[in-house]
Amino acid sequence: MLVDLPLAVRRASVDLFHAPAYVAPLVGVHPLVLTIHDVSYERHPEWYPYRRDPLRRWFYRRSALAADAILTDSEFSRSEIVAAYRVPADRVFVVPLGVGPPFTPGPAEASALPAGVVPPYVLHVGDLHVRRNLAMLVDAVCEVRRRREALRGLQLVLAGQDRGVGADLMSRAAERGHPDMVRLLGAVTDATLITLYRRANALAYPSRYEGFGLPLLEAMACGVPVVAARAGAIPEVVGDAAVLIDPDAAAGFADAIEHVLVSSDLAARLREASAARAAMFSWAQTAGRTVDVYRRCLGAVDG
């Protein structure tokens, strides 16, 4: 990265280099466009207590400072990048992510669900780590099961790579009298993910910090009712198509999830609003805005 890549870029005589994920050549490559999805590691290093994390944060910072333009997913992330790295705001461009087929509403057979997953269930999609706030979600779903006999079998299905919190989440549910509640699936295929979305009674997304939250968009595109945290870029992504709750309010999450599950009218309204909101985001739009930044950078070089 420090030597070989800049040399390779110069030999290739490229007009512009785009580093698509956080790290970029630190010298000798211009114009340089860098994508940064979020800066949670810089704003909340307490969530990343890994031995190599200070080195990673240094490299990310230097990459940001070296870039001629930075692409990010939301206005929230734009403001966070400017605050974290003190880069000029006019060098940071918002390019929202997109969604498209096959993430659409449609039928899905229960038999296509992973083993052990049985509706009704609340779904969470994304890697399992501390900032995703899943311990609070376990408490909320336990409370829904306690309140409603008809929802005693409600499951919390977690699709995503376990970053070290899965066992604690299962123990937490068991300690509260619900040892059968949590289903840890790990990473799943797109086909399985679409089935999970289409059969879900709700997507719950209690994360304390998101630069975008692509699972929100995928779920909405599949017409899933969404209950999410009022935090980070989440309100920016979901608009008025989701129920937003303070990330520390376990009782509020329980109330919202229960209401979605027992009120067919509310669930139907949220499904309709979700699909309409998701239609506002497309990969074609993402590509177009990215190309606009390329042209801006190349125009500055030509000038």
C-alpha atoms as a PDB file:
ATOM      1  CA  MET A   1       0.000   0.000   0.000  1.00  0.00           C
ATOM      2  CA  LEU A   2       2.750   2.467   0.916  1.00  0.00           C
ATOM      3  CA  VAL A   3       5.039   1.855  -2.089  1.00  0.00           C
ATOM      4  CA  ASP A   4       3.806  -0.834  -4.480  1.00  0.00           C
ATOM      5  CA  LEU A   5       0.338   0.578  -5.093  1.00  0.00           C
ATOM      6  CA  PRO A   6       1.437   4.164  -5.889  1.00  0.00           C
ATOM      7  CA  LEU A   7       4.042   2.763  -8.290  1.00  0.00           C
ATOM      8  CA  ALA A   8       1.444   0.524  -9.930  1.00  0.00           C
ATOM      9  CA  VAL A   9      -0.981   3.436 -10.304  1.00  0.00           C
ATOM     10  CA  ARG A  10       1.675   5.583 -11.965  1.00  0.00           C
ATOM     11  CA  ARG A  11       2.703   2.774 -14.309  1.00  0.00           C
ATOM     12  CA  ALA A  12      -0.945   2.273 -15.315  1.00  0.00           C
ATOM     13  CA  SER A  13      -1.317   5.988 -16.072  1.00  0.00           C
ATOM     14  CA  VAL A  14      -4.810   6.087 -14.571  1.00  0.00           C
ATOM     15  CA  ASP A  15      -6.690   9.388 -14.672  1.00  0.00           C
ATOM     16  CA  LEU A  16      -8.126   8.946 -11.174  1.00  0.00           C
ATOM     17  CA  PHE A  17      -7.819   6.410  -8.377  1.00  0.00           C
ATOM     18  CA  HIS A  18     -10.782   5.454  -6.155  1.00  0.00           C
ATOM     19  CA  ALA A  19     -10.012   3.615  -2.918  1.00  0.00           C
ATOM     20  CA  PRO A  20     -13.388   2.055  -2.020  1.00  0.00           C
ATOM     21  CA  ALA A  21     -12.975   1.326   1.693  1.00  0.00           C
ATOM     22  CA  TYR A  22     -11.192   3.536   4.224  1.00  0.00           C
ATOM     23  CA  VAL A  23      -7.532   3.041   3.197  1.00  0.00           C
ATOM     24  CA  ALA A  24      -5.684   4.678   0.325  1.00  0.00           C
ATOM     25  CA  PRO A  25      -2.146   5.323  -0.923  1.00  0.00           C
ATOM     26  CA  LEU A  26      -0.742   8.028   1.340  1.00  0.00           C
ATOM     27  CA  VAL A  27       1.554   9.664  -1.231  1.00  0.00           C
ATOM     28  CA  GLY A  28       1.955  10.054  -4.956  1.00  0.00           C
ATOM     29  CA  VAL A  29      -1.568   9.247  -6.179  1.00  0.00           C
ATOM     30  CA  HIS A  30      -3.790  12.105  -7.404  1.00  0.00           C
ATOM     31  CA  PRO A  31      -6.587  12.750  -7.953  1.00  0.00           C
ATOM     32  CA  LEU A  32      -7.514  10.373  -5.162  1.00  0.00           C
ATOM     33  CA  VAL A  33     -11.113   9.558  -4.156  1.00  0.00           C
ATOM     34  CA  LEU A  34     -11.684   7.659  -0.915  1.00  0.00           C
ATOM     35  CA  THR A  35     -14.869   6.065   0.432  1.00  0.00           C
ATOM     36  CA  ILE A  36     -15.453   6.199   4.195  1.00  0.00           C
ATOM     37  CA  HIS A  37     -18.717   4.641   5.316  1.00  0.00           C
ATOM     38  CA  ASP A  38     -18.499   5.825   8.923  1.00  0.00           C
ATOM     39  CA  VAL A  39     -15.971   6.861  11.559  1.00  0.00           C
ATOM     40  CA  SER A  40     -17.347   4.970  14.542  1.00  0.00           C
ATOM     41  CA  TYR A  41     -13.843   3.630  15.294  1.00  0.00           C
ATOM     42  CA  GLU A  42     -12.566   7.222  15.587  1.00  0.00           C
ATOM     43  CA  ARG A  43     -15.532   8.746  17.427  1.00  0.00           C
ATOM     44  CA  HIS A  44     -16.027   5.758  19.778  1.00  0.00           C
ATOM     45  CA  PRO A  45     -12.744   3.836  20.115  1.00  0.00           C
ATOM     46  CA  GLU A  46     -14.111   2.201  23.276  1.00  0.00           C
ATOM     47  CA  TRP A  47     -16.131  -0.083  20.987  1.00  0.00           C
ATOM     48  CA  TYR A  48     -12.945  -1.403  19.355  1.00  0.00           C
ATOM     49  CA  PRO A  49     -10.596  -2.565  22.145  1.00  0.00           C
ATOM     50  CA  TYR A  50      -8.301  -4.465  19.790  1.00  0.00           C
ATOM     51  CA  ARG A  51      -4.519  -4.424  19.974  1.00  0.00           C
ATOM     52  CA  ARG A  52      -4.079  -3.249  16.384  1.00  0.00           C
ATOM     53  CA  ASP A  53      -6.884  -0.693  16.412  1.00  0.00           C
ATOM     54  CA  PRO A  54      -4.718   2.402  17.094  1.00  0.00           C
ATOM     55  CA  LEU A  55      -2.648   1.544  14.006  1.00  0.00           C
ATOM     56  CA  ARG A  56      -5.798   1.097  11.943  1.00  0.00           C
ATOM     57  CA  ARG A  57      -7.162   4.431  13.131  1.00  0.00           C
ATOM     58  CA  TRP A  58      -3.874   6.154  12.248  1.00  0.00           C
ATOM     59  CA  PHE A  59      -3.955   4.686   8.733  1.00  0.00           C
ATOM     60  CA  TYR A  60      -7.593   5.649   8.219  1.00  0.00           C
ATOM     61  CA  ARG A  61      -6.895   9.213   9.352  1.00  0.00           C
ATOM     62  CA  ARG A  62      -3.865   9.602   7.092  1.00  0.00           C
ATOM     63  CA  SER A  63      -5.852   8.187   4.163  1.00  0.00           C
ATOM     64  CA  ALA A  64      -8.619  10.727   4.743  1.00  0.00           C
ATOM     65  CA  LEU A  65      -6.157  13.595   4.854  1.00  0.00           C
ATOM     66  CA  ALA A  66      -4.458  12.410   1.655  1.00  0.00           C
ATOM     67  CA  ALA A  67      -7.690  12.187  -0.365  1.00  0.00           C
ATOM     68  CA  ASP A  68      -8.772  14.874  -2.808  1.00  0.00           C
ATOM     69  CA  ALA A  69     -12.407  13.865  -2.296  1.00  0.00           C
ATOM     70  CA  ILE A  70     -14.149  11.654   0.244  1.00  0.00           C
ATOM     71  CA  LEU A  71     -17.379   9.815  -0.500  1.00  0.00           C
ATOM     72  CA  THR A  72     -19.657   8.840   2.357  1.00  0.00           C
ATOM     73  CA  ASP A  73     -23.145   7.405   2.726  1.00  0.00           C
ATOM     74  CA  SER A  74     -25.075  10.055   4.660  1.00  0.00           C
ATOM     75  CA  GLU A  75     -25.136  13.622   5.897  1.00  0.00           C
ATOM     76  CA  PHE A  76     -24.592  12.229   9.382  1.00  0.00           C
ATOM     77  CA  SER A  77     -21.351  10.549   8.315  1.00  0.00           C
ATOM     78  CA  ARG A  78     -20.279  13.672   6.449  1.00  0.00           C
ATOM     79  CA  SER A  79     -20.545  15.730   9.628  1.00  0.00           C
ATOM     80  CA  GLU A  80     -18.758  13.030  11.636  1.00  0.00           C
ATOM     81  CA  ILE A  81     -15.862  12.817   9.144  1.00  0.00           C
ATOM     82  CA  VAL A  82     -15.391  16.582   9.191  1.00  0.00           C
ATOM     83  CA  ALA A  83     -15.429  16.582  13.002  1.00  0.00           C
ATOM     84  CA  ALA A  84     -13.114  13.578  13.361  1.00  0.00           C
ATOM     85  CA  TYR A  85     -10.463  14.495  10.777  1.00  0.00           C
ATOM     86  CA  ARG A  86     -10.841  18.273  10.428  1.00  0.00           C
ATOM     87  CA  VAL A  87     -10.995  17.952   6.653  1.00  0.00           C
ATOM     88  CA  PRO A  88     -12.739  20.761   4.744  1.00  0.00           C
ATOM     89  CA  ALA A  89     -16.451  20.051   4.422  1.00  0.00           C
ATOM     90  CA  ASP A  90     -16.356  20.779   0.682  1.00  0.00           C
ATOM     91  CA  ARG A  91     -14.110  17.746   0.173  1.00  0.00           C
ATOM     92  CA  VAL A  92     -16.713  15.336   1.585  1.00  0.00           C
ATOM     93  CA  PHE A  93     -19.575  14.265  -0.693  1.00  0.00           C
ATOM     94  CA  VAL A  94     -22.716  12.345   0.294  1.00  0.00           C
ATOM     95  CA  VAL A  95     -23.463   9.396  -1.985  1.00  0.00           C
ATOM     96  CA  PRO A  96     -26.230   7.264  -0.429  1.00  0.00           C
ATOM     97  CA  LEU A  97     -26.201   3.522  -0.970  1.00  0.00           C
ATOM     98  CA  GLY A  98     -28.861   1.814  -3.047  1.00  0.00           C
ATOM     99  CA  VAL A  99     -31.001  -1.269  -3.238  1.00  0.00           C
ATOM    100  CA  GLY A 100     -32.663  -3.170  -6.030  1.00  0.00           C
ATOM    101  CA  PRO A 101     -33.805  -6.608  -7.149  1.00  0.00           C
ATOM    102  CA  PRO A 102     -33.871  -9.197  -5.743  1.00  0.00           C
ATOM    103  CA  PHE A 103     -34.703  -7.247  -2.571  1.00  0.00           C
ATOM    104  CA  THR A 104     -38.423  -6.879  -3.238  1.00  0.00           C
ATOM    105  CA  PRO A 105     -41.655  -7.914  -1.531  1.00  0.00           C
ATOM    106  CA  GLY A 106     -42.814 -11.361  -2.473  1.00  0.00           C
ATOM    107  CA  PRO A 107     -43.795 -14.793  -1.258  1.00  0.00           C
ATOM    108  CA  ALA A 108     -41.390 -16.940   0.708  1.00  0.00           C
ATOM    109  CA  GLU A 109     -42.043 -20.442   1.934  1.00  0.00           C
ATOM    110  CA  ALA A 110     -41.450 -21.110   5.618  1.00  0.00           C
ATOM    111  CA  SER A 111     -39.728 -24.310   4.544  1.00  0.00           C
ATOM    112  CA  ALA A 112     -36.973 -22.188   2.948  1.00  0.00           C
ATOM    113  CA  LEU A 113     -36.037 -20.630   6.296  1.00  0.00           C
ATOM    114  CA  PRO A 114     -32.868 -21.807   8.066  1.00  0.00           C
ATOM    115  CA  ALA A 115     -33.270 -24.735  10.429  1.00  0.00           C
ATOM    116  CA  GLY A 116     -34.722 -23.668  13.761  1.00  0.00           C
ATOM    117  CA  VAL A 117     -36.212 -20.403  12.514  1.00  0.00           C
ATOM    118  CA  VAL A 118     -39.990 -20.429  12.952  1.00  0.00           C
ATOM    119  CA  PRO A 119     -42.331 -17.441  12.553  1.00  0.00           C
ATOM    120  CA  PRO A 120     -43.227 -15.241  14.266  1.00  0.00           C
ATOM    121  CA  TYR A 121     -39.791 -13.680  14.586  1.00  0.00           C
ATOM    122  CA  VAL A 122     -38.056 -10.332  14.887  1.00  0.00           C
ATOM    123  CA  LEU A 123     -35.057 -10.086  12.593  1.00  0.00           C
ATOM    124  CA  HIS A 124     -31.747  -8.266  12.970  1.00  0.00           C
ATOM    125  CA  VAL A 125     -29.237  -8.245  10.108  1.00  0.00           C
ATOM    126  CA  GLY A 126     -25.597  -7.216  10.471  1.00  0.00           C
ATOM    127  CA  ASP A 127     -22.449  -8.220  12.316  1.00  0.00           C
ATOM    128  CA  LEU A 128     -22.975  -8.756  16.028  1.00  0.00           C
ATOM    129  CA  HIS A 129     -20.869  -6.367  18.094  1.00  0.00           C
ATOM    130  CA  VAL A 130     -21.225  -3.950  20.970  1.00  0.00           C
ATOM    131  CA  ARG A 131     -22.356  -0.837  19.106  1.00  0.00           C
ATOM    132  CA  ARG A 132     -25.295  -2.734  17.608  1.00  0.00           C
ATOM    133  CA  ASN A 133     -26.888  -2.627  21.089  1.00  0.00           C
ATOM    134  CA  LEU A 134     -28.291  -6.146  20.856  1.00  0.00           C
ATOM    135  CA  ALA A 135     -28.336  -6.840  24.604  1.00  0.00           C
ATOM    136  CA  MET A 136     -31.034  -4.186  24.887  1.00  0.00           C
ATOM    137  CA  LEU A 137     -32.930  -5.841  22.022  1.00  0.00           C
ATOM    138  CA  VAL A 138     -32.807  -9.204  23.801  1.00  0.00           C
ATOM    139  CA  ASP A 139     -34.388  -7.560  26.856  1.00  0.00           C
ATOM    140  CA  ALA A 140     -37.092  -5.948  24.693  1.00  0.00           C
ATOM    141  CA  VAL A 141     -38.068  -9.191  22.934  1.00  0.00           C
ATOM    142  CA  CYS A 142     -38.072 -11.060  26.249  1.00  0.00           C
ATOM    143  CA  GLU A 143     -40.512  -8.451  27.548  1.00  0.00           C
ATOM    144  CA  VAL A 144     -42.820  -8.913  24.538  1.00  0.00           C
ATOM    145  CA  ARG A 145     -42.861 -12.675  25.135  1.00  0.00           C
ATOM    146  CA  ARG A 146     -43.609 -12.122  28.840  1.00  0.00           C
ATOM    147  CA  ARG A 147     -46.515  -9.776  28.138  1.00  0.00           C
ATOM    148  CA  ARG A 148     -48.332 -11.789  25.470  1.00  0.00           C
ATOM    149  CA  GLU A 149     -49.128 -15.464  25.754  1.00  0.00           C
ATOM    150  CA  ALA A 150     -49.786 -15.547  22.008  1.00  0.00           C
ATOM    151  CA  LEU A 151     -46.221 -14.351  21.418  1.00  0.00           C
ATOM    152  CA  ARG A 152     -44.579 -16.718  23.883  1.00  0.00           C
ATOM    153  CA  GLY A 153     -42.839 -18.421  20.956  1.00  0.00           C
ATOM    154  CA  LEU A 154     -41.535 -15.183  19.389  1.00  0.00           C
ATOM    155  CA  GLN A 155     -37.940 -15.580  18.213  1.00  0.00           C
ATOM    156  CA  LEU A 156     -35.128 -13.076  17.829  1.00  0.00           C
ATOM    157  CA  VAL A 157     -33.222 -14.074  14.689  1.00  0.00           C
ATOM    158  CA  LEU A 158     -29.723 -12.628  14.267  1.00  0.00           C
ATOM    159  CA  ALA A 159     -28.184 -12.917  10.792  1.00  0.00           C
ATOM    160  CA  GLY A 160     -24.587 -11.762  10.632  1.00  0.00           C
ATOM    161  CA  GLN A 161     -21.081 -12.629  11.696  1.00  0.00           C
ATOM    162  CA  ASP A 162     -20.632 -12.910  15.451  1.00  0.00           C
ATOM    163  CA  ARG A 163     -17.895 -10.510  16.592  1.00  0.00           C
ATOM    164  CA  GLY A 164     -17.801 -11.944  20.095  1.00  0.00           C
ATOM    165  CA  VAL A 165     -21.162 -11.152  21.678  1.00  0.00           C
ATOM    166  CA  GLY A 166     -23.387 -14.042  20.528  1.00  0.00           C
ATOM    167  CA  ALA A 167     -22.846 -16.314  23.526  1.00  0.00           C
ATOM    168  CA  ASP A 168     -23.586 -13.449  25.925  1.00  0.00           C
ATOM    169  CA  LEU A 169     -26.820 -12.673  24.091  1.00  0.00           C
ATOM    170  CA  MET A 170     -27.993 -16.275  24.353  1.00  0.00           C
ATOM    171  CA  SER A 171     -27.044 -16.401  28.040  1.00  0.00           C
ATOM    172  CA  ARG A 172     -28.906 -13.154  28.649  1.00  0.00           C
ATOM    173  CA  ALA A 173     -32.093 -14.571  27.145  1.00  0.00           C
ATOM    174  CA  ALA A 174     -31.728 -17.799  29.125  1.00  0.00           C
ATOM    175  CA  GLU A 175     -31.223 -15.893  32.379  1.00  0.00           C
ATOM    176  CA  ARG A 176     -34.526 -14.113  31.718  1.00  0.00           C
ATOM    177  CA  GLY A 177     -36.356 -17.392  31.244  1.00  0.00           C
ATOM    178  CA  HIS A 178     -36.288 -17.571  27.431  1.00  0.00           C
ATOM    179  CA  PRO A 179     -33.518 -20.032  26.484  1.00  0.00           C
ATOM    180  CA  ASP A 180     -35.166 -20.864  23.149  1.00  0.00           C
ATOM    181  CA  MET A 181     -35.584 -17.282  21.966  1.00  0.00           C
ATOM    182  CA  VAL A 182     -32.324 -16.281  20.213  1.00  0.00           C
ATOM    183  CA  ARG A 183     -31.312 -17.838  16.894  1.00  0.00           C
ATOM    184  CA  LEU A 184     -27.726 -17.125  15.801  1.00  0.00           C
ATOM    185  CA  LEU A 185     -27.396 -17.786  12.068  1.00  0.00           C
ATOM    186  CA  GLY A 186     -23.994 -16.320  11.282  1.00  0.00           C
ATOM    187  CA  ALA A 187     -23.442 -15.011   7.764  1.00  0.00           C
ATOM    188  CA  VAL A 188     -26.136 -16.124   5.304  1.00  0.00           C
ATOM    189  CA  THR A 189     -26.485 -16.180   1.524  1.00  0.00           C
ATOM    190  CA  ASP A 190     -28.458 -13.505  -0.305  1.00  0.00           C
ATOM    191  CA  ALA A 191     -31.171 -16.030  -1.115  1.00  0.00           C
ATOM    192  CA  THR A 192     -31.544 -16.950   2.557  1.00  0.00           C
ATOM    193  CA  LEU A 193     -31.435 -13.297   3.570  1.00  0.00           C
ATOM    194  CA  ILE A 194     -34.277 -12.395   1.217  1.00  0.00           C
ATOM    195  CA  THR A 195     -36.355 -15.261   2.610  1.00  0.00           C
ATOM    196  CA  LEU A 196     -35.636 -14.048   6.149  1.00  0.00           C
ATOM    197  CA  TYR A 197     -36.729 -10.514   5.262  1.00  0.00           C
ATOM    198  CA  ARG A 198     -39.911 -11.597   3.511  1.00  0.00           C
ATOM    199  CA  ARG A 199     -41.017 -13.845   6.368  1.00  0.00           C
ATOM    200  CA  ALA A 200     -40.007 -11.456   9.181  1.00  0.00           C
ATOM    201  CA  ASN A 201     -42.702  -9.858  11.304  1.00  0.00           C
ATOM    202  CA  ALA A 202     -40.375  -6.901  11.873  1.00  0.00           C
ATOM    203  CA  LEU A 203     -36.780  -5.796  11.470  1.00  0.00           C
ATOM    204  CA  ALA A 204     -35.321  -4.410  14.701  1.00  0.00           C
ATOM    205  CA  TYR A 205     -32.251  -2.203  14.367  1.00  0.00           C
ATOM    206  CA  PRO A 206     -31.239  -0.717  17.738  1.00  0.00           C
ATOM    207  CA  SER A 207     -27.699   0.324  16.738  1.00  0.00           C
ATOM    208  CA  ARG A 208     -26.165   3.245  18.585  1.00  0.00           C
ATOM    209  CA  TYR A 209     -24.162   4.400  15.566  1.00  0.00           C
ATOM    210  CA  GLU A 210     -24.569   3.818  11.838  1.00  0.00           C
ATOM    211  CA  GLY A 211     -23.132   5.660   8.864  1.00  0.00           C
ATOM    212  CA  PHE A 212     -26.034   4.338   6.793  1.00  0.00           C
ATOM    213  CA  GLY A 213     -27.462   0.934   7.739  1.00  0.00           C
ATOM    214  CA  LEU A 214     -27.889  -1.016   4.507  1.00  0.00           C
ATOM    215  CA  PRO A 215     -30.024  -3.749   6.177  1.00  0.00           C
ATOM    216  CA  LEU A 216     -32.617  -1.052   6.880  1.00  0.00           C
ATOM    217  CA  LEU A 217     -32.885  -0.312   3.183  1.00  0.00           C
ATOM    218  CA  GLU A 218     -32.933  -3.985   2.186  1.00  0.00           C
ATOM    219  CA  ALA A 219     -35.664  -4.743   4.708  1.00  0.00           C
ATOM    220  CA  MET A 220     -37.763  -1.771   3.605  1.00  0.00           C
ATOM    221  CA  ALA A 221     -37.373  -2.815  -0.039  1.00  0.00           C
ATOM    222  CA  CYS A 222     -38.823  -6.187   0.965  1.00  0.00           C
ATOM    223  CA  GLY A 223     -41.732  -4.411   2.688  1.00  0.00           C
ATOM    224  CA  VAL A 224     -40.726  -5.288   6.241  1.00  0.00           C
ATOM    225  CA  PRO A 225     -41.979  -3.132   9.151  1.00  0.00           C
ATOM    226  CA  VAL A 226     -38.950  -1.501  10.808  1.00  0.00           C
ATOM    227  CA  VAL A 227     -38.398  -0.586  14.451  1.00  0.00           C
ATOM    228  CA  ALA A 228     -35.062   1.196  14.850  1.00  0.00           C
ATOM    229  CA  ALA A 229     -32.972   3.456  17.046  1.00  0.00           C
ATOM    230  CA  ARG A 230     -33.169   7.188  16.709  1.00  0.00           C
ATOM    231  CA  ALA A 231     -29.387   7.394  16.329  1.00  0.00           C
ATOM    232  CA  GLY A 232     -26.685   8.022  13.743  1.00  0.00           C
ATOM    233  CA  ALA A 233     -27.839   8.016  10.132  1.00  0.00           C
ATOM    234  CA  ILE A 234     -30.825   5.755  10.816  1.00  0.00           C
ATOM    235  CA  PRO A 235     -33.496   8.526  10.788  1.00  0.00           C
ATOM    236  CA  GLU A 236     -31.944   9.880   7.584  1.00  0.00           C
ATOM    237  CA  VAL A 237     -32.332   6.491   5.873  1.00  0.00           C
ATOM    238  CA  VAL A 238     -35.799   5.461   7.057  1.00  0.00           C
ATOM    239  CA  GLY A 239     -37.507   8.857   7.009  1.00  0.00           C
ATOM    240  CA  ASP A 240     -41.065   8.460   8.319  1.00  0.00           C
ATOM    241  CA  ALA A 241     -41.297   4.815   7.194  1.00  0.00           C
ATOM    242  CA  ALA A 242     -40.212   3.286  10.526  1.00  0.00           C
ATOM    243  CA  VAL A 243     -40.900   3.475  14.246  1.00  0.00           C
ATOM    244  CA  LEU A 244     -37.923   5.232  15.849  1.00  0.00           C
ATOM    245  CA  ILE A 245     -37.071   4.722  19.524  1.00  0.00           C
ATOM    246  CA  ASP A 246     -34.321   6.006  21.809  1.00  0.00           C
ATOM    247  CA  PRO A 247     -31.545   3.365  21.738  1.00  0.00           C
ATOM    248  CA  ASP A 248     -31.546   3.107  25.537  1.00  0.00           C
ATOM    249  CA  ALA A 249     -35.309   2.583  25.828  1.00  0.00           C
ATOM    250  CA  ALA A 250     -35.817  -1.181  26.116  1.00  0.00           C
ATOM    251  CA  ALA A 251     -39.425  -0.632  27.186  1.00  0.00           C
ATOM    252  CA  GLY A 252     -39.988   1.608  24.175  1.00  0.00           C
ATOM    253  CA  PHE A 253     -38.594  -1.038  21.829  1.00  0.00           C
ATOM    254  CA  ALA A 254     -40.784  -3.676  23.488  1.00  0.00           C
ATOM    255  CA  ASP A 255     -43.868  -1.471  23.092  1.00  0.00           C
ATOM    256  CA  ALA A 256     -43.116  -0.776  19.422  1.00  0.00           C
ATOM    257  CA  ILE A 257     -42.369  -4.396  18.536  1.00  0.00           C
ATOM    258  CA  GLU A 258     -45.488  -5.590  20.341  1.00  0.00           C
ATOM    259  CA  HIS A 259     -47.634  -3.013  18.563  1.00  0.00           C
ATOM    260  CA  VAL A 260     -46.282  -4.003  15.143  1.00  0.00           C
ATOM    261  CA  LEU A 261     -46.885  -7.684  15.856  1.00  0.00           C
ATOM    262  CA  VAL A 262     -50.426  -7.370  17.187  1.00  0.00           C
ATOM    263  CA  SER A 263     -51.753  -4.535  14.989  1.00  0.00           C
ATOM    264  CA  SER A 264     -52.286  -5.679  11.424  1.00  0.00           C
ATOM    265  CA  ASP A 265     -53.218  -2.122  10.427  1.00  0.00           C
ATOM    266  CA  LEU A 266     -49.948  -0.681  11.732  1.00  0.00           C
ATOM    267  CA  ALA A 267     -47.919  -3.481  10.149  1.00  0.00           C
ATOM    268  CA  ALA A 268     -49.638  -2.919   6.807  1.00  0.00           C
ATOM    269  CA  ARG A 269     -49.011   0.845   6.947  1.00  0.00           C
ATOM    270  CA  LEU A 270     -45.354   0.322   7.761  1.00  0.00           C
ATOM    271  CA  ARG A 271     -44.924  -2.265   5.008  1.00  0.00           C
ATOM    272  CA  GLU A 272     -46.385   0.141   2.451  1.00  0.00           C
ATOM    273  CA  ALA A 273     -44.315   3.067   3.720  1.00  0.00           C
ATOM    274  CA  SER A 274     -41.157   0.941   3.777  1.00  0.00           C
ATOM    275  CA  ALA A 275     -41.476  -0.102   0.154  1.00  0.00           C
ATOM    276  CA  ALA A 276     -42.147   3.496  -0.922  1.00  0.00           C
ATOM    277  CA  ARG A 277     -39.156   4.815   1.030  1.00  0.00           C
ATOM    278  CA  ALA A 278     -36.799   2.183  -0.350  1.00  0.00           C
ATOM    279  CA  ALA A 279     -37.846   3.083  -3.903  1.00  0.00           C
ATOM    280  CA  MET A 280     -36.120   6.442  -3.359  1.00  0.00           C
ATOM    281  CA  PHE A 281     -32.697   4.725  -3.265  1.00  0.00           C
ATOM    282  CA  SER A 282     -31.088   2.961  -6.224  1.00  0.00           C
ATOM    283  CA  TRP A 283     -27.644   1.755  -7.243  1.00  0.00           C
ATOM    284  CA  ALA A 284     -28.024   3.740 -10.476  1.00  0.00           C
ATOM    285  CA  GLN A 285     -28.330   6.904  -8.391  1.00  0.00           C
ATOM    286  CA  THR A 286     -25.306   5.851  -6.320  1.00  0.00           C
ATOM    287  CA  ALA A 287     -23.262   5.291  -9.468  1.00  0.00           C
ATOM    288  CA  GLY A 288     -24.357   8.605 -10.990  1.00  0.00           C
ATOM    289  CA  ARG A 289     -23.393  10.615  -7.930  1.00  0.00           C
ATOM    290  CA  THR A 290     -20.051   8.812  -7.743  1.00  0.00           C
ATOM    291  CA  VAL A 291     -19.290   9.681 -11.361  1.00  0.00           C
ATOM    292  CA  ASP A 292     -20.219  13.307 -10.636  1.00  0.00           C
ATOM    293  CA  VAL A 293     -17.476  13.411  -7.991  1.00  0.00           C
ATOM    294  CA  TYR A 294     -14.991  11.840 -10.426  1.00  0.00           C
ATOM    295  CA  ARG A 295     -15.784  14.539 -12.959  1.00  0.00           C
ATOM    296  CA  ARG A 296     -15.422  17.242 -10.351  1.00  0.00           C
ATOM    297  CA  CYS A 297     -11.969  15.937  -9.374  1.00  0.00           C
ATOM    298  CA  LEU A 298     -10.828  15.572 -12.966  1.00  0.00           C
ATOM    299  CA  GLY A 299     -12.134  19.054 -13.781  1.00  0.00           C
ATOM    300  CA  ALA A 300     -10.077  20.470 -10.941  1.00  0.00           C
ATOM    301  CA  VAL A 301      -6.979  18.727 -12.314  1.00  0.00           C
ATOM    302  CA  ASP A 302      -7.658  19.945 -15.861  1.00  0.00           C
ATOM    303  CA  GLY A 303      -8.187  23.463 -14.604  1.00  0.00           C
END
